[in-house]
Protein backbone atom coordinates (compact mmCIF):
# COMPACT_ATOMS: atom_id res chain seq x y z
CA MET A 1 78.62 71.93 91.85
CA ASP A 2 80.52 73.73 93.77
CA LYS A 3 81.61 77.67 93.23
CA ARG A 4 83.28 80.34 93.99
CA ILE A 5 80.94 82.88 96.27
CA THR A 6 82.26 85.31 93.67
CA GLU A 7 81.18 83.43 90.61
CA LEU A 8 77.00 83.41 91.80
CA THR A 9 75.11 85.10 90.06
CA GLU A 10 74.12 88.40 91.96
CA LEU A 11 70.54 89.09 93.26
CA SER A 12 69.18 91.68 91.51
CA THR A 13 65.86 93.08 93.54
CA THR A 14 65.34 93.48 97.32
CA PRO A 15 65.22 89.98 98.86
CA ASP A 16 62.49 88.74 100.40
CA THR A 17 61.96 87.81 104.40
CA THR A 18 61.57 84.42 103.74
CA ASN A 19 64.61 84.11 101.65
CA ILE A 20 68.26 81.85 103.13
CA ILE A 21 71.60 82.56 103.67
CA ALA A 22 74.22 80.27 104.33
CA ILE A 23 76.45 81.32 107.06
CA VAL A 24 79.28 79.52 109.17
CA ASP A 25 79.17 79.15 112.65
CA ASP A 26 81.51 78.41 115.12
CA VAL A 27 83.99 79.34 113.18
CA ALA A 28 87.19 79.45 116.05
CA GLY A 29 85.73 75.94 117.19
CA THR A 30 83.61 73.58 115.24
CA PRO A 31 82.65 74.88 112.18
CA THR A 32 78.60 73.97 110.93
CA THR A 33 77.51 75.25 108.03
CA LYS A 34 73.49 76.77 108.80
CA LYS A 35 70.61 78.94 107.38
CA ILE A 36 69.22 81.99 108.18
CA THR A 37 66.41 83.45 106.84
CA ILE A 38 66.36 87.65 106.02
CA ALA A 39 64.03 88.05 108.81
CA LYS A 40 65.37 86.13 111.33
CA LEU A 41 69.17 88.03 110.27
CA LEU A 42 67.66 91.49 110.41
CA GLY A 43 65.23 91.07 113.35
CA THR A 44 61.37 92.37 112.40
CA GLU A 45 61.18 95.95 113.33
CA VAL A 46 57.61 97.30 114.94
CA ASP A 47 57.05 101.01 114.47
CA ASN A 48 54.52 102.81 116.64
CA GLU A 49 53.18 100.37 118.51
CA THR A 50 50.76 101.33 121.82
CA PRO A 51 51.60 98.93 124.69
CA SER A 52 48.51 97.79 126.25
CA GLY A 53 47.86 99.04 129.75
CA THR A 54 45.87 101.60 131.27
CA ILE A 55 47.49 105.46 131.32
CA ASP A 56 44.81 106.72 134.64
CA GLY A 57 48.35 108.24 136.57
CA THR A 58 48.18 105.37 139.10
CA ASN A 59 49.59 102.09 136.93
CA LYS A 60 52.85 101.76 135.93
CA THR A 61 52.94 98.47 133.92
CA PHE A 62 52.18 98.07 130.09
CA THR A 63 52.79 95.15 128.09
CA LEU A 64 54.20 94.89 124.30
CA ALA A 65 52.89 92.59 121.77
CA ASN A 66 56.75 91.05 121.35
CA THR A 67 59.63 90.80 123.58
CA PRO A 68 62.27 93.02 122.11
CA SER A 69 65.15 91.47 120.80
CA PRO A 70 67.85 92.72 121.40
CA ALA A 71 66.20 94.23 123.99
CA THR A 72 68.11 97.45 123.38
CA SER A 73 66.15 97.98 120.49
CA LEU A 74 63.77 99.57 122.02
CA LYS A 75 62.55 102.87 121.82
CA LEU A 76 60.00 103.95 124.07
CA PHE A 77 58.35 107.89 123.70
CA LEU A 78 55.71 109.64 126.00
CA ASN A 79 54.23 112.20 124.98
CA GLY A 80 56.68 112.87 122.53
CA MET A 81 59.89 113.01 124.80
CA PHE A 82 62.54 109.74 124.52
CA MET A 83 61.96 107.56 127.65
CA THR A 84 65.42 106.16 129.10
CA PRO A 85 65.04 102.93 130.00
CA ALA A 86 67.47 100.74 132.73
CA GLY A 87 65.44 101.85 136.09
CA GLU A 88 65.76 105.77 135.12
CA ASP A 89 61.85 106.21 133.16
CA TYR A 90 61.32 102.54 132.95
CA THR A 91 62.77 99.17 133.17
CA LEU A 92 62.08 96.07 130.56
CA THR A 93 61.42 92.66 131.84
CA GLY A 94 60.57 90.35 128.52
CA ASN A 95 57.98 91.64 127.01
CA SER A 96 56.53 94.20 130.08
CA ILE A 97 57.57 98.26 130.29
CA VAL A 98 57.19 99.18 134.40
CA PHE A 99 57.32 102.69 134.57
CA ILE A 100 59.49 104.20 137.86
CA ASN A 101 56.51 106.64 137.56
CA ALA A 102 53.31 105.92 136.35
CA PRO A 103 52.45 108.17 133.27
CA THR A 104 49.56 110.67 133.92
CA SER A 105 45.94 110.09 131.99
CA GLY A 106 45.48 110.96 128.97
CA SER A 107 49.29 110.70 127.87
CA VAL A 108 50.37 109.29 124.66
CA MET A 109 52.62 106.25 124.65
CA ARG A 110 54.50 104.82 121.68
CA ALA A 111 56.51 101.99 121.27
CA PHE A 112 59.44 100.82 118.35
CA TYR A 113 61.37 98.46 118.05
CA LYS A 114 62.91 94.77 116.81
CA TYR A 115 62.30 91.17 117.67
């Protein structure tokens, strides 16, 4: 039975990440109703990940467990300092971080991002 959205029962709890939402894609062209999960809509967040790679003062390349999406969601910290992307402190290609200058031995690196 079709109902107006305002007539539907409101969810009274926090939605589970597997819950599905209906969306209309390509509204201006050929509208198609599709589904998306809460997890896909919001993205999965990674907090306080230590990228893999040796911090030895010479290695510049480190790898994240996942590819940040969008890429701009990556917040990278080295010894508590925010690192600036786009070639200032590092570049990101997929899940690969390449620093302009190799982090010094003993440094602590942490990444926060969505994927």
